[in-house]
Amino acid sequence: MLGSHYGNSPIIAADGTAAPPTQHTEFEPCARPGCLAPHAWLDDGSSLYDHFGLGYTLLLLAEAGEFAARAIADAARAARVPLKVFDLRAAGLAQLYEAPLALIRPDQHVAWRGAGADAAELIDTVRGAETKTKTRRTAPWETLTAK
């Protein structure tokens, strides 16, 4: 699992950064969408991963993301997507994630990172819903079974 990533997944919001090389012998943390969320030990001694839930986790990493975090949480609530906002502004992890916000999927992979986004469209993307601007891609197994 370490070193692999979902670069072309339709349920991540790509940020235009280059995909890291697939490397399984020397793991280098990367917060690019599709990669396993970088780990950190928090001041209370807990693992960042211990705070990820069964749904999505939105990491609020810097003041610049506060307004967008509220909009994303509201969009998730409206779409009935389980989302927990975890305020880590005091932890100094914005540099690790290279953004003021990072949305983590239930499988601990980064779904999106940034300073702001169209909140409803972001939530629709990460949950695989059709939106006004894009249609859900057909999964390979759906093409095989379609008649």
Protein backbone atom coordinates (compact mmCIF):
# COMPACT_ATOMS: atom_id res chain seq x y z
CA MET A 1 0.00 0.00 0.00
CA LEU A 2 2.85 2.39 0.78
CA GLY A 3 4.00 4.11 -2.37
CA SER A 4 0.94 3.31 -4.45
CA HIS A 5 -1.58 5.97 -5.46
CA TYR A 6 -4.84 6.46 -7.33
CA GLY A 7 -3.76 9.08 -9.83
CA ASN A 8 -6.63 8.69 -12.29
CA SER A 9 -9.45 7.88 -9.93
CA PRO A 10 -12.75 9.59 -10.77
CA ILE A 11 -13.42 10.07 -7.04
CA ILE A 12 -10.48 12.34 -6.33
CA ALA A 13 -10.16 16.01 -7.23
CA ALA A 14 -6.76 16.28 -8.90
CA ASP A 15 -4.74 19.40 -8.16
CA GLY A 16 -2.52 19.38 -11.24
CA THR A 17 0.64 18.26 -9.46
CA ALA A 18 2.73 15.47 -10.94
CA ALA A 19 2.13 11.97 -9.68
CA PRO A 20 4.89 10.65 -7.44
CA PRO A 21 6.90 7.74 -8.82
CA THR A 22 5.49 4.38 -7.81
CA GLN A 23 8.01 3.27 -5.22
CA HIS A 24 7.54 0.33 -2.90
CA THR A 25 11.01 0.05 -1.35
CA GLU A 26 11.56 3.62 -0.13
CA PHE A 27 8.34 5.33 0.92
CA GLU A 28 8.17 9.10 0.70
CA PRO A 29 4.95 10.69 2.06
CA CYS A 30 2.98 12.69 -0.49
CA ALA A 31 -0.23 14.65 0.04
CA ARG A 32 -1.18 14.75 -3.65
CA PRO A 33 -4.80 13.66 -4.21
CA GLY A 34 -4.90 9.90 -4.70
CA CYS A 35 -1.96 9.25 -2.35
CA LEU A 36 -2.07 7.79 1.12
CA ALA A 37 -2.45 10.67 3.57
CA PRO A 38 0.87 11.60 5.16
CA HIS A 39 1.08 10.49 8.77
CA ALA A 40 1.97 12.67 11.75
CA TRP A 41 2.15 12.22 15.49
CA LEU A 42 0.11 14.88 17.26
CA ASP A 43 1.08 16.79 20.40
CA ASP A 44 -1.19 14.61 22.54
CA GLY A 45 0.75 11.51 21.42
CA SER A 46 -2.01 10.22 19.16
CA SER A 47 -1.61 9.26 15.54
CA LEU A 48 -3.28 11.49 12.96
CA TYR A 49 -4.79 8.30 11.51
CA ASP A 50 -6.54 7.63 14.84
CA HIS A 51 -8.68 10.69 14.13
CA PHE A 52 -9.85 9.60 10.70
CA GLY A 53 -13.35 8.17 10.86
CA LEU A 54 -15.46 5.77 8.85
CA GLY A 55 -16.51 8.67 6.64
CA TYR A 56 -14.52 11.54 5.18
CA THR A 57 -12.25 13.73 7.30
CA LEU A 58 -11.56 17.33 6.37
CA LEU A 59 -8.28 18.50 7.86
CA LEU A 60 -8.31 22.22 8.62
CA LEU A 61 -4.59 22.95 8.55
CA ALA A 62 -4.38 26.75 8.32
CA GLU A 63 -6.50 29.86 8.91
CA ALA A 64 -6.81 30.40 5.15
CA GLY A 65 -9.06 27.33 4.93
CA GLU A 66 -11.59 28.21 7.64
CA PHE A 67 -14.31 29.68 5.40
CA ALA A 68 -13.98 26.93 2.78
CA ALA A 69 -14.06 24.26 5.51
CA ARG A 70 -17.49 25.49 6.63
CA ALA A 71 -18.77 25.47 3.03
CA ILE A 72 -17.46 21.93 2.43
CA ALA A 73 -18.99 20.70 5.69
CA ASP A 74 -22.34 22.26 4.72
CA ALA A 75 -22.18 20.66 1.25
CA ALA A 76 -21.39 17.27 2.76
CA ARG A 77 -24.30 17.58 5.18
CA ALA A 78 -26.65 18.54 2.32
CA ALA A 79 -25.48 15.52 0.28
CA ARG A 80 -25.70 13.26 3.37
CA VAL A 81 -22.01 12.43 3.16
CA PRO A 82 -20.44 11.60 6.53
CA LEU A 83 -17.72 14.19 7.15
CA LYS A 84 -15.78 15.19 10.22
CA VAL A 85 -13.81 18.44 10.32
CA PHE A 86 -10.60 18.04 12.30
CA ASP A 87 -9.04 21.36 13.30
CA LEU A 88 -5.26 21.02 13.17
CA ARG A 89 -4.34 24.69 12.77
CA ALA A 90 -2.18 24.58 15.88
CA ALA A 91 -0.39 21.39 14.82
CA GLY A 92 1.64 22.99 12.02
CA LEU A 93 0.78 20.37 9.38
CA ALA A 94 -0.07 22.75 6.51
CA GLN A 95 3.46 22.39 5.16
CA LEU A 96 3.23 18.57 5.24
CA TYR A 97 0.00 18.68 3.20
CA GLU A 98 1.07 21.74 1.17
CA ALA A 99 -2.40 23.26 1.58
CA PRO A 100 -4.66 24.81 4.21
CA LEU A 101 -7.25 22.03 3.72
CA ALA A 102 -7.06 18.33 2.92
CA LEU A 103 -10.03 16.02 2.42
CA ILE A 104 -9.25 12.44 3.43
CA ARG A 105 -11.29 9.49 2.15
CA PRO A 106 -12.40 6.65 4.44
CA ASP A 107 -9.51 4.54 3.05
CA GLN A 108 -7.03 7.17 4.33
CA HIS A 109 -6.16 8.48 0.86
CA VAL A 110 -6.22 12.17 0.01
CA ALA A 111 -9.33 12.99 -2.02
CA TRP A 112 -8.54 16.70 -2.42
CA ARG A 113 -6.33 19.43 -1.02
CA GLY A 114 -6.41 23.16 -1.50
CA ALA A 115 -7.53 26.51 -0.16
CA GLY A 116 -11.04 26.50 -1.55
CA ALA A 117 -13.32 24.88 -4.09
CA ASP A 118 -16.90 24.76 -5.26
CA ALA A 119 -17.96 22.82 -2.17
CA ALA A 120 -20.99 21.04 -3.67
CA GLU A 121 -19.05 19.99 -6.78
CA LEU A 122 -16.14 18.78 -4.65
CA ILE A 123 -18.41 16.61 -2.50
CA ASP A 124 -20.16 15.27 -5.61
CA THR A 125 -16.79 14.40 -7.17
CA VAL A 126 -15.43 12.52 -4.17
CA ARG A 127 -18.67 10.60 -3.70
CA GLY A 128 -18.86 9.68 -7.41
CA ALA A 129 -22.08 11.56 -8.16
CA GLU A 130 -23.02 13.10 -11.47
CA THR A 131 -22.78 16.88 -11.53
CA LYS A 132 -23.88 19.62 -13.88
CA THR A 133 -20.37 19.85 -15.31
CA LYS A 134 -19.46 16.18 -15.59
CA THR A 135 -21.01 12.78 -15.94
CA ARG A 136 -19.96 9.82 -13.84
CA ARG A 137 -17.51 7.63 -15.67
CA THR A 138 -18.55 4.07 -16.40
CA ALA A 139 -16.55 1.62 -14.38
CA PRO A 140 -14.81 -1.14 -16.40
CA TRP A 141 -16.96 -3.88 -14.87
CA GLU A 142 -20.13 -2.01 -15.84
CA THR A 143 -19.09 -2.06 -19.51
CA LEU A 144 -18.47 -5.78 -19.39
CA THR A 145 -21.88 -6.53 -17.91
CA ALA A 146 -23.90 -4.00 -19.97
CA LYS A 147 -26.19 -5.53 -22.58
